[in-house]
């Protein structure tokens, strides 16, 4: 994979993480959330895992920016 493709995967993961955070915030604000919201969250989590696997397969596993800054 080319460097720009790796960067695209990192950007995609960032977008998915924002979606995950927005979804969990909405879920947290509802006393009785519909099952469809949980299913949507599950799809987002699966997508994040798929991106992480793709990055790992290319020898460039995802590391949170905080961890990268420490290294």
PDB file of N, CA and C in Angstrom:
ATOM      1  N   UNK A   1       0.843  -1.171   0.000  1.00  0.00           N
ATOM      2  CA  UNK A   1       0.000   0.000   0.000  1.00  0.00           C
ATOM      3  C   UNK A   1       0.895   1.243   0.000  1.00  0.00           C
ATOM      4  N   UNK A   2       0.463   2.236  -0.712  1.00  0.00           N
ATOM      5  CA  UNK A   2       1.203   3.498  -0.793  1.00  0.00           C
ATOM      6  C   UNK A   2       0.949   4.331   0.472  1.00  0.00           C
ATOM      7  N   UNK A   3       1.835   5.275   0.710  1.00  0.00           N
ATOM      8  CA  UNK A   3       1.730   6.124   1.904  1.00  0.00           C
ATOM      9  C   UNK A   3       0.415   6.893   1.919  1.00  0.00           C
ATOM     10  N   UNK A   4      -0.051   7.348   0.748  1.00  0.00           N
ATOM     11  CA  UNK A   4      -1.315   8.097   0.719  1.00  0.00           C
ATOM     12  C   UNK A   4      -2.505   7.191   1.029  1.00  0.00           C
ATOM     13  N   UNK A   5      -2.407   5.925   0.672  1.00  0.00           N
ATOM     14  CA  UNK A   5      -3.471   4.982   1.008  1.00  0.00           C
ATOM     15  C   UNK A   5      -3.512   4.718   2.515  1.00  0.00           C
ATOM     16  N   UNK A   6      -2.350   4.635   3.130  1.00  0.00           N
ATOM     17  CA  UNK A   6      -2.278   4.474   4.588  1.00  0.00           C
ATOM     18  C   UNK A   6      -2.896   5.697   5.260  1.00  0.00           C
ATOM     19  N   UNK A   7      -2.571   6.873   4.749  1.00  0.00           N
ATOM     20  CA  UNK A   7      -3.137   8.106   5.311  1.00  0.00           C
ATOM     21  C   UNK A   7      -4.651   8.138   5.143  1.00  0.00           C
ATOM     22  N   UNK A   8      -5.154   7.653   4.011  1.00  0.00           N
ATOM     23  CA  UNK A   8      -6.602   7.568   3.803  1.00  0.00           C
ATOM     24  C   UNK A   8      -7.247   6.670   4.859  1.00  0.00           C
ATOM     25  N   UNK A   9      -6.592   5.553   5.173  1.00  0.00           N
ATOM     26  CA  UNK A   9      -7.119   4.663   6.210  1.00  0.00           C
ATOM     27  C   UNK A   9      -7.144   5.361   7.564  1.00  0.00           C
ATOM     28  N   UNK A  10      -6.108   6.120   7.863  1.00  0.00           N
ATOM     29  CA  UNK A  10      -6.079   6.860   9.130  1.00  0.00           C
ATOM     30  C   UNK A  10      -7.203   7.905   9.176  1.00  0.00           C
ATOM     31  N   UNK A  11      -7.420   8.597   8.068  1.00  0.00           N
ATOM     32  CA  UNK A  11      -8.511   9.582   8.026  1.00  0.00           C
ATOM     33  C   UNK A  11      -9.867   8.901   8.169  1.00  0.00           C
ATOM     34  N   UNK A  12     -10.028   7.763   7.499  1.00  0.00           N
ATOM     35  CA  UNK A  12     -11.291   7.026   7.608  1.00  0.00           C
ATOM     36  C   UNK A  12     -11.528   6.590   9.051  1.00  0.00           C
ATOM     37  N   UNK A  13     -10.479   6.145   9.715  1.00  0.00           N
ATOM     38  CA  UNK A  13     -10.632   5.720  11.104  1.00  0.00           C
ATOM     39  C   UNK A  13     -11.017   6.892  11.993  1.00  0.00           C
ATOM     40  N   UNK A  14     -10.445   8.048  11.732  1.00  0.00           N
ATOM     41  CA  UNK A  14     -10.784   9.244  12.501  1.00  0.00           C
ATOM     42  C   UNK A  14     -12.256   9.603  12.331  1.00  0.00           C
ATOM     43  N   UNK A  15     -12.743   9.534  11.110  1.00  0.00           N
ATOM     44  CA  UNK A  15     -14.153   9.821  10.848  1.00  0.00           C
ATOM     45  C   UNK A  15     -15.050   8.808  11.556  1.00  0.00           C
ATOM     46  N   UNK A  16     -14.680   7.543  11.471  1.00  0.00           N
ATOM     47  CA  UNK A  16     -15.465   6.505  12.141  1.00  0.00           C
ATOM     48  C   UNK A  16     -15.453   6.695  13.658  1.00  0.00           C
ATOM     49  N   UNK A  17     -14.327   7.083  14.204  1.00  0.00           N
ATOM     50  CA  UNK A  17     -14.251   7.315  15.649  1.00  0.00           C
ATOM     51  C   UNK A  17     -15.146   8.479  16.059  1.00  0.00           C
ATOM     52  N   UNK A  18     -15.205   9.523  15.229  1.00  0.00           N
ATOM     53  CA  UNK A  18     -16.117  10.641  15.534  1.00  0.00           C
ATOM     54  C   UNK A  18     -17.569  10.183  15.489  1.00  0.00           C
ATOM     55  N   UNK A  19     -17.898   9.338  14.499  1.00  0.00           N
ATOM     56  CA  UNK A  19     -19.258   8.791  14.423  1.00  0.00           C
ATOM     57  C   UNK A  19     -19.563   7.953  15.662  1.00  0.00           C
ATOM     58  N   UNK A  20     -18.597   7.142  16.077  1.00  0.00           N
ATOM     59  CA  UNK A  20     -18.775   6.321  17.286  1.00  0.00           C
ATOM     60  C   UNK A  20     -19.040   7.206  18.499  1.00  0.00           C
ATOM     61  N   UNK A  21     -18.253   8.247  18.647  1.00  0.00           N
ATOM     62  CA  UNK A  21     -18.419   9.139  19.791  1.00  0.00           C
ATOM     63  C   UNK A  21     -19.767   9.849  19.770  1.00  0.00           C
ATOM     64  N   UNK A  22     -20.192  10.294  18.595  1.00  0.00           N
ATOM     65  CA  UNK A  22     -21.491  10.962  18.471  1.00  0.00           C
ATOM     66  C   UNK A  22     -22.623   9.990  18.791  1.00  0.00           C
ATOM     67  N   UNK A  23     -22.500   8.767  18.313  1.00  0.00           N
ATOM     68  CA  UNK A  23     -23.547   7.760  18.557  1.00  0.00           C
ATOM     69  C   UNK A  23     -23.622   7.415  20.042  1.00  0.00           C
ATOM     70  N   UNK A  24     -22.484   7.246  20.687  1.00  0.00           N
ATOM     71  CA  UNK A  24     -22.525   6.897  22.108  1.00  0.00           C
ATOM     72  C   UNK A  24     -23.080   8.057  22.943  1.00  0.00           C
ATOM     73  N   UNK A  25     -22.799   9.277  22.516  1.00  0.00           N
ATOM     74  CA  UNK A  25     -23.354  10.430  23.224  1.00  0.00           C
ATOM     75  C   UNK A  25     -24.882  10.451  23.103  1.00  0.00           C
ATOM     76  N   UNK A  26     -25.384  10.160  21.893  1.00  0.00           N
ATOM     77  CA  UNK A  26     -26.843  10.095  21.708  1.00  0.00           C
ATOM     78  C   UNK A  26     -27.450   8.956  22.517  1.00  0.00           C
ATOM     79  N   UNK A  27     -26.792   7.793  22.493  1.00  0.00           N
ATOM     80  CA  UNK A  27     -27.299   6.647  23.256  1.00  0.00           C
ATOM     81  C   UNK A  27     -27.330   6.941  24.755  1.00  0.00           C
ATOM     82  N   UNK A  28     -26.317   7.627  25.228  1.00  0.00           N
ATOM     83  CA  UNK A  28     -26.241   7.934  26.656  1.00  0.00           C
ATOM     84  C   UNK A  28     -27.355   8.880  27.096  1.00  0.00           C
ATOM     85  N   UNK A  29     -27.879   9.660  26.170  1.00  0.00           N
ATOM     86  CA  UNK A  29     -28.920  10.618  26.514  1.00  0.00           C
ATOM     87  C   UNK A  29     -30.336  10.075  26.417  1.00  0.00           C
ATOM     88  N   UNK A  30     -30.471   8.809  26.071  1.00  0.00           N
ATOM     89  CA  UNK A  30     -31.795   8.206  25.899  1.00  0.00           C
ATOM     90  C   UNK A  30     -32.000   7.134  26.959  1.00  0.00           C
ATOM     91  N   UNK A  31     -33.133   7.209  27.656  1.00  0.00           N
ATOM     92  CA  UNK A  31     -33.414   6.194  28.676  1.00  0.00           C
ATOM     93  C   UNK A  31     -33.638   4.817  28.068  1.00  0.00           C
ATOM     94  N   UNK A  32     -34.360   4.771  26.973  1.00  0.00           N
ATOM     95  CA  UNK A  32     -34.655   3.495  26.324  1.00  0.00           C
ATOM     96  C   UNK A  32     -34.366   3.644  24.836  1.00  0.00           C
ATOM     97  N   UNK A  33     -33.134   3.355  24.465  1.00  0.00           N
ATOM     98  CA  UNK A  33     -32.702   3.538  23.077  1.00  0.00           C
ATOM     99  C   UNK A  33     -33.236   2.411  22.201  1.00  0.00           C
ATOM    100  N   UNK A  34     -33.573   2.737  20.967  1.00  0.00           N
ATOM    101  CA  UNK A  34     -34.025   1.685  20.054  1.00  0.00           C
ATOM    102  C   UNK A  34     -32.879   0.745  19.691  1.00  0.00           C
ATOM    103  N   UNK A  35     -33.223  -0.481  19.423  1.00  0.00           N
ATOM    104  CA  UNK A  35     -32.233  -1.490  19.065  1.00  0.00           C
ATOM    105  C   UNK A  35     -31.469  -1.061  17.814  1.00  0.00           C
ATOM    106  N   UNK A  36     -32.124  -0.355  16.925  1.00  0.00           N
ATOM    107  CA  UNK A  36     -31.461   0.062  15.685  1.00  0.00           C
ATOM    108  C   UNK A  36     -30.248   0.951  15.967  1.00  0.00           C
ATOM    109  N   UNK A  37     -30.288   1.730  17.037  1.00  0.00           N
ATOM    110  CA  UNK A  37     -29.129   2.552  17.380  1.00  0.00           C
ATOM    111  C   UNK A  37     -27.960   1.674  17.817  1.00  0.00           C
ATOM    112  N   UNK A  38     -28.260   0.641  18.581  1.00  0.00           N
ATOM    113  CA  UNK A  38     -27.206  -0.289  18.996  1.00  0.00           C
ATOM    114  C   UNK A  38     -26.623  -1.007  17.776  1.00  0.00           C
ATOM    115  N   UNK A  39     -27.479  -1.354  16.829  1.00  0.00           N
ATOM    116  CA  UNK A  39     -27.011  -1.999  15.606  1.00  0.00           C
ATOM    117  C   UNK A  39     -26.122  -1.060  14.799  1.00  0.00           C
ATOM    118  N   UNK A  40     -26.508   0.213  14.729  1.00  0.00           N
ATOM    119  CA  UNK A  40     -25.694   1.204  14.022  1.00  0.00           C
ATOM    120  C   UNK A  40     -24.330   1.345  14.698  1.00  0.00           C
ATOM    121  N   UNK A  41     -24.316   1.386  16.014  1.00  0.00           N
ATOM    122  CA  UNK A  41     -23.064   1.487  16.753  1.00  0.00           C
ATOM    123  C   UNK A  41     -22.193   0.259  16.480  1.00  0.00           C
ATOM    124  N   UNK A  42     -22.800  -0.899  16.452  1.00  0.00           N
ATOM    125  CA  UNK A  42     -22.065  -2.127  16.172  1.00  0.00           C
ATOM    126  C   UNK A  42     -21.425  -2.074  14.790  1.00  0.00           C
ATOM    127  N   UNK A  43     -22.143  -1.576  13.797  1.00  0.00           N
ATOM    128  CA  UNK A  43     -21.582  -1.464  12.446  1.00  0.00           C
ATOM    129  C   UNK A  43     -20.382  -0.515  12.425  1.00  0.00           C
ATOM    130  N   UNK A  44     -20.479   0.567  13.160  1.00  0.00           N
ATOM    131  CA  UNK A  44     -19.360   1.515  13.234  1.00  0.00           C
ATOM    132  C   UNK A  44     -18.148   0.846  13.881  1.00  0.00           C
ATOM    133  N   UNK A  45     -18.384   0.122  14.976  1.00  0.00           N
ATOM    134  CA  UNK A  45     -17.279  -0.558  15.668  1.00  0.00           C
ATOM    135  C   UNK A  45     -16.624  -1.612  14.782  1.00  0.00           C
ATOM    136  N   UNK A  46     -17.419  -2.333  14.026  1.00  0.00           N
ATOM    137  CA  UNK A  46     -16.882  -3.347  13.110  1.00  0.00           C
ATOM    138  C   UNK A  46     -16.040  -2.678  12.025  1.00  0.00           C
ATOM    139  N   UNK A  47     -16.502  -1.537  11.536  1.00  0.00           N
ATOM    140  CA  UNK A  47     -15.746  -0.812  10.517  1.00  0.00           C
ATOM    141  C   UNK A  47     -14.405  -0.326  11.068  1.00  0.00           C
ATOM    142  N   UNK A  48     -14.408   0.164  12.303  1.00  0.00           N
ATOM    143  CA  UNK A  48     -13.153   0.599  12.928  1.00  0.00           C
ATOM    144  C   UNK A  48     -12.193  -0.580  13.044  1.00  0.00           C
ATOM    145  N   UNK A  49     -12.710  -1.727  13.467  1.00  0.00           N
ATOM    146  CA  UNK A  49     -11.867  -2.918  13.581  1.00  0.00           C
ATOM    147  C   UNK A  49     -11.302  -3.331  12.223  1.00  0.00           C
ATOM    148  N   UNK A  50     -12.098  -3.205  11.171  1.00  0.00           N
ATOM    149  CA  UNK A  50     -11.635  -3.567   9.830  1.00  0.00           C
ATOM    150  C   UNK A  50     -10.506  -2.642   9.378  1.00  0.00           C
ATOM    151  N   UNK A  51     -10.641  -1.361   9.647  1.00  0.00           N
ATOM    152  CA  UNK A  51      -9.579  -0.411   9.304  1.00  0.00           C
ATOM    153  C   UNK A  51      -8.325  -0.736  10.104  1.00  0.00           C
ATOM    154  N   UNK A  52      -8.489  -1.019  11.385  1.00  0.00           N
ATOM    155  CA  UNK A  52      -7.342  -1.378  12.226  1.00  0.00           C
ATOM    156  C   UNK A  52      -6.632  -2.624  11.689  1.00  0.00           C
ATOM    157  N   UNK A  53      -7.407  -3.618  11.257  1.00  0.00           N
ATOM    158  CA  UNK A  53      -6.810  -4.839  10.699  1.00  0.00           C
ATOM    159  C   UNK A  53      -6.052  -4.540   9.410  1.00  0.00           C
ATOM    160  N   UNK A  54      -6.617  -3.669   8.575  1.00  0.00           N
ATOM    161  CA  UNK A  54      -5.949  -3.313   7.320  1.00  0.00           C
ATOM    162  C   UNK A  54      -4.632  -2.602   7.599  1.00  0.00           C
ATOM    163  N   UNK A  55      -4.639  -1.701   8.565  1.00  0.00           N
ATOM    164  CA  UNK A  55      -3.407  -1.001   8.920  1.00  0.00           C
ATOM    165  C   UNK A  55      -2.368  -1.968   9.477  1.00  0.00           C
ATOM    166  N   UNK A  56      -2.800  -2.889  10.319  1.00  0.00           N
ATOM    167  CA  UNK A  56      -1.887  -3.874  10.903  1.00  0.00           C
ATOM    168  C   UNK A  56      -1.316  -4.785   9.817  1.00  0.00           C
ATOM    169  N   UNK A  57      -2.155  -5.180   8.874  1.00  0.00           N
ATOM    170  CA  UNK A  57      -1.700  -6.039   7.784  1.00  0.00           C
ATOM    171  C   UNK A  57      -0.617  -5.361   6.947  1.00  0.00           C
ATOM    172  N   UNK A  58      -0.652  -4.049   6.899  1.00  0.00           N
ATOM    173  CA  UNK A  58       0.354  -3.288   6.153  1.00  0.00           C
ATOM    174  C   UNK A  58       1.569  -2.936   7.007  1.00  0.00           C
ATOM    175  N   UNK A  59       1.580  -3.454   8.236  1.00  0.00           N
ATOM    176  CA  UNK A  59       2.704  -3.186   9.120  1.00  0.00           C
ATOM    177  C   UNK A  59       2.688  -1.785   9.722  1.00  0.00           C
ATOM    178  N   UNK A  60       1.526  -1.147   9.707  1.00  0.00           N
ATOM    179  CA  UNK A  60       1.381   0.211  10.232  1.00  0.00           C
ATOM    180  C   UNK A  60       0.190   0.261  11.193  1.00  0.00           C
ATOM    181  N   UNK A  61       0.238  -0.498  12.291  1.00  0.00           N
ATOM    182  CA  UNK A  61      -0.922  -0.549  13.189  1.00  0.00           C
ATOM    183  C   UNK A  61      -1.293   0.833  13.710  1.00  0.00           C
ATOM    184  N   UNK A  62      -2.598   1.001  13.944  1.00  0.00           N
ATOM    185  CA  UNK A  62      -3.091   2.277  14.449  1.00  0.00           C
ATOM    186  C   UNK A  62      -2.569   2.511  15.857  1.00  0.00           C
ATOM    187  N   UNK A  63      -2.099   3.712  16.097  1.00  0.00           N
ATOM    188  CA  UNK A  63      -1.693   4.138  17.447  1.00  0.00           C
ATOM    189  C   UNK A  63      -2.321   5.487  17.695  1.00  0.00           C
ATOM    190  N   UNK A  64      -2.938   5.629  18.847  1.00  0.00           N
ATOM    191  CA  UNK A  64      -3.556   6.908  19.211  1.00  0.00           C
ATOM    192  C   UNK A  64      -2.509   8.005  19.189  1.00  0.00           C
ATOM    193  N   UNK A  65      -2.902   9.209  18.793  1.00  0.00           N
ATOM    194  CA  UNK A  65      -1.930  10.322  18.745  1.00  0.00           C
ATOM    195  C   UNK A  65      -1.188  10.535  20.060  1.00  0.00           C
ATOM    196  N   UNK A  66      -1.863  10.312  21.183  1.00  0.00           N
ATOM    197  CA  UNK A  66      -1.206  10.483  22.483  1.00  0.00           C
ATOM    198  C   UNK A  66      -0.048   9.509  22.655  1.00  0.00           C
ATOM    199  N   UNK A  67      -0.238   8.291  22.171  1.00  0.00           N
ATOM    200  CA  UNK A  67       0.800   7.272  22.272  1.00  0.00           C
ATOM    201  C   UNK A  67       1.947   7.588  21.320  1.00  0.00           C
ATOM    202  N   UNK A  68       1.619   8.050  20.121  1.00  0.00           N
ATOM    203  CA  UNK A  68       2.650   8.402  19.155  1.00  0.00           C
ATOM    204  C   UNK A  68       3.515   9.540  19.688  1.00  0.00           C
ATOM    205  N   UNK A  69       2.899  10.490  20.394  1.00  0.00           N
ATOM    206  CA  UNK A  69       3.637  11.633  20.923  1.00  0.00           C
ATOM    207  C   UNK A  69       4.640  11.203  21.998  1.00  0.00           C
ATOM    208  N   UNK A  70       4.295  10.139  22.732  1.00  0.00           N
ATOM    209  CA  UNK A  70       5.181   9.643  23.775  1.00  0.00           C
ATOM    210  C   UNK A  70       6.421   8.975  23.204  1.00  0.00           C
ATOM    211  N   UNK A  71       6.243   8.326  22.020  1.00  0.00           N
ATOM    212  CA  UNK A  71       7.318   7.551  21.424  1.00  0.00           C
ATOM    213  C   UNK A  71       8.331   8.408  20.825  1.00  0.00           C
TER     214      UNK A  71
END
